[in-house]
Amino acid sequence: MSIDQREEPAAADPAGEAPADQRFGWSAIRPLVLRLHFYAGVFIGPFLLVAAVTGLAYVWAPQLEQSVYDHELHVAAAAGTVPLDQQAATAKALVPDGTLTGVRPGPTPTDTTQVIFNRPGLEPSFHWTVFVDPHTGAVRGQLETYGSGQAMPVRGWIDVLHRSMHLGDFGRLYSELAASWLGIVVLAGLALWFGRRRRKRAAAPSPRAKLLTWHGRTGLVLAIGLLFLSATGLTWSNHTGANISELRTQLDWTSPSVSAKVPMTTGARDIGFDGAREATLRAGLTDPVEVRPPAGPGKGYVVAQMGRSWPVQADSMAVDPATGTITDTLRFADYNLAAKLSTWGIDAHMGFLFGIWNQIALTLLAVALICVIVWGYRMWWLRRPTRGEARAGRPPLRGTWRRIPGRVLAPVLVVVAVVGYYLPLFGLSLLGFLIVDGLFEARRRKVDA
C-alpha cells in the first residue's frame, strides 16, 4: 500500500535531505515509513509477484491432478475388497528396492489404494507410490509423489515451483525473501493509509491519484489475509523456519506425536495392515487414514488420520502388531493451542482447510495482490520526471530518520534488529538496501562537489 507522496518537507536542502526536526509526530516518522514501503515495494515486488502467480496455480492444482491422473486415482465401484496386506505385497513386488512406509486405503469405493515407499535416489519429501485397485488387486500405475499430502507429479511440480523455482535451496531464498518482506510492506502500508492527510476531493483526480486510491483501499482489504500468508509461509522457509522451529521447541509449542512402543514378543503373529486399521476404526478413528508398518522390533503399527478439511481429522493411534491392542492414542483435541494454530494455518495456506471456499479466498487474495503490485509500479512510473534524464519515479526523500528523536529511534532500531535476527533474509536485505542507498548518496555528493 502507499499513499500520496506529494508532501514536501519544509526547507529541504538542495541535496534532497530532510531537515533536522526535533518535534516528533506522525509527520516526522511518515517519510521514513514511506521510504521503507517504497523501496520494499520496488525491489521485493518481483518476488511477491512470482509467489502470487505460482501460489495461484497451486490453489487449483488438486482439481487438475484429479483429472490428469484419473486412471491412477480412481476405479469403478464394485463389491468386495482385496486385503490391504495382499495389495501391499503386490506393490512391493514392483518396487523391490523400496522401503514400504505406509498404505492409504481409498476413502471411497471409487478411490485406489496408495502404497507408499521410500526409494533410493528420490529427493527429500518425495515418495514412490503404487496405485492398486482395492476391488481386484490390479495395479493401476506407479508414480513419484510429494509431501504428506501425496501430491501427484503435476501438483508436486507446481509446489516446488512456488517454494523454490526448482532451484534447490538457493531458490528457496526467493520465497523466504517474499514472505519476510510481505508482512513488513503490509504493516507499513497500513500505517501510511491510516496516517494519511485528508484532502478535499479533486474535481478530476489524476491517473496517479486514482491508482493510489485503488492501491491503498485494495491493500487495506487484503491486509489480514496477506499477514496470514506471510506468517504461515515463513514456517516453511529454510532460515526463518528453523528459527521458528527452535522457538516452538523452547516454548514447548511443538506438535505431539503418538508413541509406537509396544511390549517385545517372540514368535507372535502379525495382525497386518488390515488388522491395524480395523482395530483403530473400532476405537473411533475414521477414514481417510494412513497405516504405517512397525519401524522395527518393539514398535507397533501407527494409524493416522489424513483429513485436512474443517473440522481437522488428525488423530492417530498405535497398535500392537501381535494383539491388535491400542497402545497409545493421540487426539488432535489434545494438541496445545500453538500446535493447533500451526496445523490450521498450514492447511488454510494450502487451500485445504475450508474446501472450495478456501480456494476461492486464496484466489481472490492472489489476484488482488498482483493488482496491487502492478498498480504500485504504475504509480512509480507516473511519478517519473518529465524533464531531464531520469527515467524512473523519484524515491521519497533520503535522510528522514534524522528527524526522529533518539529516544524514539533507539527502540525502533532494537525492534528492527530483533526482527532481522529471527527473519535473517529481511535483516540482510534491509542492510543491503541501506548500503546501496548510502553508496548512491556518496556518489551524488561527489558529483555535486
Protein backbone atom coordinates (compact mmCIF):
# COMPACT_ATOMS: atom_id res chain seq x y z
CA MET A 1 0.00 0.00 0.00
CA SER A 2 1.07 3.55 -0.50
CA ILE A 3 -0.41 6.98 -0.08
CA ASP A 4 0.10 10.43 -1.52
CA GLN A 5 3.80 11.23 -1.89
CA ARG A 6 3.38 14.90 -2.82
CA GLU A 7 4.17 16.05 0.69
CA GLU A 8 7.37 18.13 0.70
CA PRO A 9 9.32 18.86 3.89
CA ALA A 10 9.86 22.42 4.83
CA ALA A 11 13.21 23.94 3.95
CA ALA A 12 14.61 20.90 2.22
CA ASP A 13 18.23 21.45 1.33
CA PRO A 14 19.48 21.24 -2.26
CA ALA A 15 20.88 17.77 -1.61
CA GLY A 16 17.36 16.48 -1.13
CA GLU A 17 17.82 15.53 2.54
CA ALA A 18 15.18 16.13 5.15
CA PRO A 19 15.99 18.90 7.66
CA ALA A 20 16.65 18.02 11.26
CA ASP A 21 13.47 18.50 13.27
CA GLN A 22 13.28 17.56 16.93
CA ARG A 23 9.50 17.64 17.02
CA PHE A 24 8.24 14.09 16.89
CA GLY A 25 4.92 13.01 15.49
CA TRP A 26 3.49 11.14 12.55
CA SER A 27 4.69 13.92 10.25
CA ALA A 28 8.24 13.14 11.37
CA ILE A 29 8.14 9.36 11.06
CA ARG A 30 5.90 9.19 7.98
CA PRO A 31 8.66 9.88 5.42
CA LEU A 32 10.75 7.07 6.89
CA VAL A 33 7.84 4.62 6.69
CA LEU A 34 7.09 5.82 3.16
CA ARG A 35 10.68 5.29 2.07
CA LEU A 36 10.67 1.79 3.57
CA HIS A 37 7.40 0.95 1.83
CA PHE A 38 8.68 2.39 -1.45
CA TYR A 39 11.98 0.54 -1.59
CA ALA A 40 10.49 -2.71 -0.35
CA GLY A 41 7.74 -2.47 -2.94
CA VAL A 42 10.11 -1.69 -5.81
CA PHE A 43 12.76 -4.28 -5.09
CA ILE A 44 10.74 -7.07 -3.43
CA GLY A 45 7.72 -6.65 -5.72
CA PRO A 46 9.02 -9.10 -8.36
CA PHE A 47 9.48 -11.83 -5.74
CA LEU A 48 5.98 -11.22 -4.39
CA LEU A 49 4.62 -11.29 -7.94
CA VAL A 50 6.21 -14.68 -8.62
CA ALA A 51 4.92 -16.02 -5.29
CA ALA A 52 1.40 -14.78 -6.07
CA VAL A 53 1.32 -16.26 -9.58
CA THR A 54 2.75 -19.65 -8.58
CA GLY A 55 0.59 -19.74 -5.46
CA LEU A 56 -2.48 -19.09 -7.60
CA ALA A 57 -1.51 -22.03 -9.81
CA TYR A 58 -1.10 -24.28 -6.77
CA VAL A 59 -4.51 -23.39 -5.34
CA TRP A 60 -6.30 -25.22 -8.14
CA ALA A 61 -3.73 -27.98 -8.65
CA PRO A 62 -5.77 -30.55 -6.64
CA GLN A 63 -8.62 -30.38 -9.17
CA LEU A 64 -6.12 -30.55 -12.02
CA GLU A 65 -4.44 -33.69 -10.71
CA GLN A 66 -7.77 -35.44 -10.18
CA SER A 67 -8.35 -35.06 -13.91
CA VAL A 68 -4.82 -35.70 -15.17
CA TYR A 69 -4.31 -38.80 -13.01
CA ASP A 70 -7.85 -40.13 -13.10
CA HIS A 71 -6.63 -43.61 -14.11
CA GLU A 72 -4.25 -43.90 -11.15
CA LEU A 73 -6.57 -42.33 -8.57
CA HIS A 74 -9.99 -43.72 -9.44
CA VAL A 75 -11.66 -47.05 -10.15
CA ALA A 76 -15.18 -48.27 -10.80
CA ALA A 77 -17.10 -49.07 -7.62
CA ALA A 78 -17.54 -52.79 -7.01
CA ALA A 79 -18.49 -55.19 -4.24
CA GLY A 80 -15.77 -56.60 -2.02
CA THR A 81 -12.14 -55.59 -1.50
CA VAL A 82 -8.79 -57.34 -1.59
CA PRO A 83 -6.98 -57.39 1.80
CA LEU A 84 -4.58 -54.49 2.30
CA ASP A 85 -1.72 -56.90 3.02
CA GLN A 86 -2.21 -58.54 -0.36
CA GLN A 87 -2.34 -55.16 -2.09
CA ALA A 88 0.85 -54.10 -0.29
CA ALA A 89 2.60 -57.35 -1.29
CA THR A 90 1.65 -56.82 -4.93
CA ALA A 91 3.04 -53.29 -4.82
CA LYS A 92 6.21 -54.38 -3.03
CA ALA A 93 6.94 -56.90 -5.78
CA LEU A 94 7.07 -53.99 -8.24
CA VAL A 95 9.40 -51.91 -6.05
CA PRO A 96 11.99 -54.37 -4.71
CA ASP A 97 14.45 -51.59 -3.82
CA GLY A 98 11.86 -49.57 -1.90
CA THR A 99 11.07 -49.43 1.81
CA LEU A 100 7.34 -49.56 2.48
CA THR A 101 6.37 -46.61 4.69
CA GLY A 102 2.59 -46.53 4.53
CA VAL A 103 -0.64 -47.74 3.00
CA ARG A 104 -3.55 -45.38 2.35
CA PRO A 105 -6.84 -47.20 1.68
CA GLY A 106 -9.16 -45.32 -0.64
CA PRO A 107 -11.71 -43.37 1.45
CA THR A 108 -14.49 -44.21 -1.03
CA PRO A 109 -15.21 -47.30 -3.20
CA THR A 110 -14.07 -45.34 -6.29
CA ASP A 111 -10.61 -44.46 -4.91
CA THR A 112 -7.49 -46.56 -5.34
CA THR A 113 -5.28 -47.76 -2.51
CA GLN A 114 -1.96 -45.91 -2.34
CA VAL A 115 1.04 -47.99 -1.25
CA ILE A 116 3.88 -45.62 -0.38
CA PHE A 117 7.63 -46.33 -0.49
CA ASN A 118 10.89 -44.58 0.23
CA ARG A 119 13.23 -45.31 -2.64
CA PRO A 120 16.94 -44.63 -3.25
CA GLY A 121 17.58 -41.59 -5.43
CA LEU A 122 14.44 -39.65 -4.53
CA GLU A 123 14.73 -36.06 -3.34
CA PRO A 124 13.73 -35.27 0.27
CA SER A 125 9.94 -35.29 0.82
CA PHE A 126 9.39 -37.31 -2.36
CA HIS A 127 7.97 -40.85 -2.34
CA TRP A 128 7.27 -43.65 -4.79
CA THR A 129 3.61 -44.66 -4.80
CA VAL A 130 1.93 -47.69 -6.34
CA PHE A 131 -1.81 -47.33 -7.02
CA VAL A 132 -3.84 -50.53 -6.57
CA ASP A 133 -7.46 -51.28 -7.41
CA PRO A 134 -8.90 -52.28 -4.00
CA HIS A 135 -11.58 -54.48 -5.60
CA THR A 136 -9.38 -56.55 -7.92
CA GLY A 137 -5.84 -56.08 -6.59
CA ALA A 138 -4.67 -54.94 -10.04
CA VAL A 139 -2.01 -52.23 -10.18
CA ARG A 140 -3.29 -49.07 -11.85
CA GLY A 141 0.09 -47.34 -12.04
CA GLN A 142 3.07 -46.09 -10.08
CA LEU A 143 4.27 -42.51 -9.77
CA GLU A 144 6.55 -40.23 -7.81
CA THR A 145 4.53 -38.30 -5.21
CA TYR A 146 5.40 -35.37 -2.98
CA GLY A 147 4.89 -34.47 0.66
CA SER A 148 2.47 -35.67 3.29
CA GLY A 149 -0.40 -34.64 1.03
CA GLN A 150 0.70 -37.19 -1.60
CA ALA A 151 0.82 -34.57 -4.35
CA MET A 152 0.87 -36.13 -7.80
CA PRO A 153 3.64 -35.07 -10.24
CA VAL A 154 1.81 -32.02 -11.64
CA ARG A 155 0.87 -30.63 -8.22
CA GLY A 156 4.28 -31.56 -6.84
CA TRP A 157 5.96 -29.68 -9.69
CA ILE A 158 3.84 -26.58 -9.03
CA ASP A 159 4.51 -26.88 -5.29
CA VAL A 160 8.28 -26.89 -5.82
CA LEU A 161 7.92 -24.04 -8.33
CA HIS A 162 6.13 -21.96 -5.70
CA ARG A 163 8.60 -22.95 -2.99
CA SER A 164 11.95 -22.72 -4.78
CA MET A 165 11.51 -22.11 -8.53
CA HIS A 166 13.11 -25.58 -8.97
CA LEU A 167 16.47 -24.08 -7.99
CA GLY A 168 17.02 -26.11 -4.83
CA ASP A 169 17.93 -24.48 -1.54
CA PHE A 170 19.17 -21.39 -3.37
CA GLY A 171 15.76 -20.97 -4.97
CA ARG A 172 14.04 -21.16 -1.59
CA LEU A 173 15.65 -17.81 -0.78
CA TYR A 174 13.17 -16.13 -3.13
CA SER A 175 10.08 -17.38 -1.30
CA GLU A 176 11.59 -16.66 2.11
CA LEU A 177 12.52 -13.15 0.99
CA ALA A 178 8.98 -12.58 -0.31
CA ALA A 179 7.35 -13.91 2.87
CA SER A 180 9.74 -11.94 5.11
CA TRP A 181 9.01 -8.61 3.44
CA LEU A 182 5.31 -9.14 2.73
CA GLY A 183 4.29 -8.55 6.33
CA ILE A 184 6.61 -5.52 6.63
CA VAL A 185 5.22 -3.95 3.47
CA VAL A 186 1.64 -4.52 4.62
CA LEU A 187 2.24 -3.03 8.08
CA ALA A 188 4.00 -0.01 6.58
CA GLY A 189 1.14 0.41 4.10
CA LEU A 190 -1.44 0.27 6.90
CA ALA A 191 0.46 2.94 8.82
CA LEU A 192 0.59 5.15 5.73
CA TRP A 193 -3.10 4.62 4.97
CA PHE A 194 -4.41 5.37 8.46
CA GLY A 195 -1.95 8.23 8.91
CA ARG A 196 -2.70 9.87 5.57
CA ARG A 197 -3.63 13.51 5.34
CA ARG A 198 -7.21 14.28 4.42
CA ARG A 199 -7.60 16.38 1.30
CA LYS A 200 -10.58 17.79 -0.45
CA ARG A 201 -11.65 15.56 -3.30
CA ALA A 202 -10.35 16.89 -6.60
CA ALA A 203 -12.90 17.55 -9.32
CA ALA A 204 -10.88 15.46 -11.77
CA PRO A 205 -8.36 13.24 -9.97
CA SER A 206 -5.18 12.45 -11.86
CA PRO A 207 -4.49 8.92 -13.14
CA ARG A 208 -1.92 8.51 -10.38
CA ALA A 209 -4.42 9.62 -7.74
CA LYS A 210 -6.90 7.03 -8.98
CA LEU A 211 -4.26 4.31 -8.85
CA LEU A 212 -3.29 5.46 -5.39
CA THR A 213 -6.87 5.04 -4.19
CA TRP A 214 -7.20 1.57 -5.72
CA HIS A 215 -3.79 0.54 -4.40
CA GLY A 216 -4.49 1.74 -0.87
CA ARG A 217 -8.07 0.53 -0.50
CA THR A 218 -7.36 -2.87 -2.00
CA GLY A 219 -4.32 -3.26 0.24
CA LEU A 220 -6.43 -2.34 3.25
CA VAL A 221 -8.97 -5.05 2.44
CA LEU A 222 -6.21 -7.61 1.84
CA ALA A 223 -4.15 -6.76 4.92
CA ILE A 224 -5.25 -9.54 7.28
CA GLY A 225 -5.05 -12.19 4.58
CA LEU A 226 -1.59 -11.08 3.44
CA LEU A 227 -0.27 -11.00 7.01
CA PHE A 228 -1.61 -14.53 7.43
CA LEU A 229 0.14 -15.73 4.25
CA SER A 230 3.37 -14.07 5.35
CA ALA A 231 3.33 -15.69 8.80
CA THR A 232 2.38 -19.17 7.62
CA GLY A 233 4.69 -19.03 4.61
CA LEU A 234 7.68 -18.33 6.85
CA THR A 235 7.13 -21.60 8.71
CA TRP A 236 8.24 -23.46 5.55
CA SER A 237 11.32 -21.33 4.92
CA ASN A 238 14.88 -22.51 5.46
CA HIS A 239 16.31 -19.90 7.80
CA THR A 240 13.30 -18.24 9.44
CA GLY A 241 11.55 -21.60 9.55
CA ALA A 242 14.46 -23.04 11.53
CA ASN A 243 14.25 -20.12 13.97
CA ILE A 244 10.51 -20.65 14.35
CA SER A 245 11.01 -24.36 14.99
CA GLU A 246 13.67 -23.64 17.61
CA LEU A 247 11.42 -21.10 19.32
CA ARG A 248 8.47 -23.52 19.33
CA THR A 249 10.68 -26.21 20.85
CA GLN A 250 11.90 -23.89 23.60
CA LEU A 251 8.32 -22.87 24.42
CA ASP A 252 7.02 -26.45 24.16
CA TRP A 253 4.73 -25.47 21.27
CA THR A 254 5.65 -28.39 19.02
CA SER A 255 3.08 -30.85 17.70
CA PRO A 256 2.99 -34.04 19.80
CA SER A 257 3.40 -37.50 18.28
CA VAL A 258 1.93 -40.86 19.17
CA SER A 259 4.24 -43.38 20.85
CA ALA A 260 4.64 -46.57 18.82
CA LYS A 261 6.48 -48.52 21.53
CA VAL A 262 4.94 -51.92 22.33
CA PRO A 263 5.98 -54.86 24.52
CA MET A 264 8.55 -57.17 22.92
CA THR A 265 7.08 -60.53 21.86
CA THR A 266 8.68 -63.62 20.32
CA GLY A 267 7.14 -65.63 17.53
CA ALA A 268 3.81 -63.83 17.79
CA ARG A 269 1.52 -63.41 14.81
CA ASP A 270 1.27 -60.09 12.96
CA ILE A 271 -2.22 -58.66 12.55
CA GLY A 272 -1.11 -56.88 9.36
CA PHE A 273 -2.37 -53.67 7.79
CA ASP A 274 -5.98 -54.85 7.78
CA GLY A 275 -5.95 -55.78 11.46
CA ALA A 276 -4.32 -52.50 12.49
CA ARG A 277 -6.80 -50.43 10.52
CA GLU A 278 -9.83 -52.37 11.77
CA ALA A 279 -8.66 -52.03 15.38
CA THR A 280 -8.44 -48.24 15.10
CA LEU A 281 -11.77 -47.96 13.28
CA ARG A 282 -13.39 -49.84 16.15
CA ALA A 283 -11.68 -47.41 18.55
CA GLY A 284 -13.23 -44.41 16.83
CA LEU A 285 -10.81 -43.41 14.06
CA THR A 286 -12.42 -42.57 10.72
CA ASP A 287 -11.17 -42.57 7.13
CA PRO A 288 -9.13 -41.30 5.40
CA VAL A 289 -6.19 -42.90 7.23
CA GLU A 290 -2.63 -43.98 6.56
CA VAL A 291 -1.43 -47.26 8.08
CA ARG A 292 2.32 -47.25 8.78
CA PRO A 293 4.13 -50.53 9.42
CA PRO A 294 6.22 -51.14 12.55
CA ALA A 295 9.55 -49.29 12.33
CA GLY A 296 11.39 -52.18 13.98
CA PRO A 297 11.36 -54.58 16.93
CA GLY A 298 9.36 -53.24 19.85
CA LYS A 299 7.38 -50.93 17.58
CA GLY A 300 3.75 -51.09 16.57
CA TYR A 301 1.62 -50.01 13.66
CA VAL A 302 0.70 -46.33 13.56
CA VAL A 303 -2.63 -45.41 12.03
CA ALA A 304 -3.03 -41.68 11.39
CA GLN A 305 -5.99 -39.73 10.06
CA MET A 306 -5.17 -37.71 6.94
CA GLY A 307 -8.24 -35.46 6.71
CA ARG A 308 -7.22 -31.83 6.21
CA SER A 309 -10.57 -30.07 5.90
CA TRP A 310 -12.50 -28.49 8.77
CA PRO A 311 -13.00 -29.95 11.30
CA VAL A 312 -9.44 -31.24 11.08
CA GLN A 313 -9.09 -35.01 11.40
CA ALA A 314 -5.56 -35.55 12.72
CA ASP A 315 -5.97 -38.20 15.42
CA SER A 316 -3.53 -41.11 15.48
CA MET A 317 -3.24 -44.44 17.28
CA ALA A 318 -0.54 -47.03 17.84
CA VAL A 319 -1.47 -50.71 17.58
CA ASP A 320 0.34 -53.74 18.99
CA PRO A 321 1.08 -55.92 15.92
CA ALA A 322 0.73 -59.12 17.95
CA THR A 323 -2.55 -58.50 19.74
CA GLY A 324 -4.29 -55.64 17.93
CA THR A 325 -4.45 -53.70 21.19
CA ILE A 326 -4.44 -49.91 21.01
CA THR A 327 -1.29 -48.96 22.94
CA ASP A 328 -1.40 -45.18 22.56
CA THR A 329 -3.88 -42.60 21.32
CA LEU A 330 -3.24 -39.00 20.34
CA ARG A 331 -6.25 -36.79 19.69
CA PHE A 332 -5.99 -33.52 17.80
CA ALA A 333 -8.18 -32.05 20.53
CA ASP A 334 -5.30 -32.66 22.96
CA TYR A 335 -2.79 -30.63 20.91
CA ASN A 336 -1.61 -27.41 22.53
CA LEU A 337 -3.03 -24.22 21.03
CA ALA A 338 0.17 -23.34 19.16
CA ALA A 339 0.26 -26.77 17.50
CA LYS A 340 -3.40 -26.46 16.51
CA LEU A 341 -2.85 -22.99 15.07
CA SER A 342 0.14 -24.28 13.11
CA THR A 343 -1.90 -27.14 11.64
CA TRP A 344 -4.86 -24.93 10.80
CA GLY A 345 -2.61 -22.24 9.35
CA ILE A 346 -0.70 -24.59 7.07
CA ASP A 347 -3.87 -26.28 5.81
CA ALA A 348 -5.54 -22.91 5.15
CA HIS A 349 -2.42 -21.58 3.38
CA MET A 350 -2.52 -24.59 1.06
CA GLY A 351 -6.25 -24.24 0.39
CA PHE A 352 -7.41 -27.41 2.14
CA LEU A 353 -8.97 -26.27 5.41
CA PHE A 354 -12.30 -24.91 4.14
CA GLY A 355 -12.53 -26.69 0.82
CA ILE A 356 -13.66 -24.77 -2.25
CA TRP A 357 -14.28 -21.59 -0.25
CA ASN A 358 -10.68 -21.67 0.94
CA GLN A 359 -9.53 -21.95 -2.67
CA ILE A 360 -11.75 -19.06 -3.76
CA ALA A 361 -10.46 -16.86 -0.93
CA LEU A 362 -6.83 -17.61 -1.83
CA THR A 363 -7.58 -16.93 -5.49
CA LEU A 364 -9.03 -13.52 -4.66
CA LEU A 365 -6.03 -12.76 -2.44
CA ALA A 366 -3.54 -13.72 -5.13
CA VAL A 367 -5.28 -11.81 -7.94
CA ALA A 368 -5.74 -8.73 -5.76
CA LEU A 369 -2.08 -8.85 -4.65
CA ILE A 370 -0.99 -9.00 -8.29
CA CYS A 371 -3.14 -5.93 -9.00
CA VAL A 372 -1.73 -4.04 -6.00
CA ILE A 373 1.84 -4.75 -7.15
CA VAL A 374 1.13 -3.70 -10.74
CA TRP A 375 -0.61 -0.51 -9.56
CA GLY A 376 2.37 0.26 -7.34
CA TYR A 377 4.81 0.01 -10.24
CA ARG A 378 2.48 2.06 -12.41
CA MET A 379 2.39 4.81 -9.78
CA TRP A 380 6.19 4.78 -9.64
CA TRP A 381 6.27 5.18 -13.42
CA LEU A 382 3.80 8.07 -13.36
CA ARG A 383 5.95 9.76 -10.71
CA ARG A 384 8.93 9.95 -13.08
CA PRO A 385 10.23 13.40 -14.03
CA THR A 386 9.00 14.76 -17.34
CA ARG A 387 12.27 16.62 -17.87
CA GLY A 388 15.87 15.58 -17.57
CA GLU A 389 17.49 12.20 -18.00
CA ALA A 390 15.75 10.31 -15.18
CA ARG A 391 13.56 7.50 -16.49
CA ALA A 392 12.02 6.27 -13.25
CA GLY A 393 9.99 7.82 -10.49
CA ARG A 394 11.95 9.55 -7.75
CA PRO A 395 12.02 7.86 -4.35
CA PRO A 396 10.86 9.58 -1.15
CA LEU A 397 13.43 11.88 0.42
CA ARG A 398 16.63 10.48 1.91
CA GLY A 399 17.76 11.13 5.49
CA THR A 400 14.30 11.34 7.05
CA TRP A 401 15.44 9.27 10.04
CA ARG A 402 17.38 12.32 11.27
CA ARG A 403 14.07 14.00 12.13
CA ILE A 404 13.21 11.31 14.68
CA PRO A 405 14.37 11.94 18.28
CA GLY A 406 16.90 9.47 19.65
CA ARG A 407 14.55 8.32 22.41
CA VAL A 408 12.19 7.06 19.73
CA LEU A 409 14.73 5.97 17.12
CA ALA A 410 16.69 3.79 19.58
CA PRO A 411 13.85 1.36 20.43
CA VAL A 412 12.86 1.25 16.76
CA LEU A 413 16.38 0.13 15.87
CA VAL A 414 16.26 -2.50 18.61
CA VAL A 415 12.98 -3.88 17.25
CA VAL A 416 14.40 -3.92 13.71
CA ALA A 417 17.50 -5.77 14.96
CA VAL A 418 15.41 -8.40 16.76
CA VAL A 419 13.14 -8.89 13.75
CA GLY A 420 16.20 -9.06 11.50
CA TYR A 421 17.68 -11.78 13.70
CA TYR A 422 14.63 -14.02 13.52
CA LEU A 423 13.97 -13.09 9.86
CA PRO A 424 17.56 -13.12 8.58
CA LEU A 425 16.75 -12.51 4.91
CA PHE A 426 14.76 -9.42 5.92
CA GLY A 427 17.67 -8.18 8.01
CA LEU A 428 20.32 -8.84 5.35
CA SER A 429 18.29 -7.37 2.51
CA LEU A 430 17.45 -4.28 4.59
CA LEU A 431 21.15 -3.85 5.32
CA GLY A 432 21.82 -4.24 1.61
CA PHE A 433 19.27 -1.51 0.81
CA LEU A 434 20.96 0.85 3.26
CA ILE A 435 24.44 0.17 1.88
CA VAL A 436 23.40 0.66 -1.74
CA ASP A 437 21.42 3.78 -0.82
CA GLY A 438 24.46 5.14 1.02
CA LEU A 439 26.72 4.46 -1.97
CA PHE A 440 24.34 6.30 -4.29
CA GLU A 441 24.27 9.23 -1.88
CA ALA A 442 28.06 9.31 -1.63
CA ARG A 443 28.34 9.22 -5.42
CA ARG A 444 25.82 12.05 -5.77
CA ARG A 445 27.68 14.20 -3.26
CA LYS A 446 30.94 13.55 -5.10
CA VAL A 447 29.38 14.58 -8.42
CA ASP A 448 27.82 17.70 -6.88
CA ALA A 449 31.16 18.65 -5.36
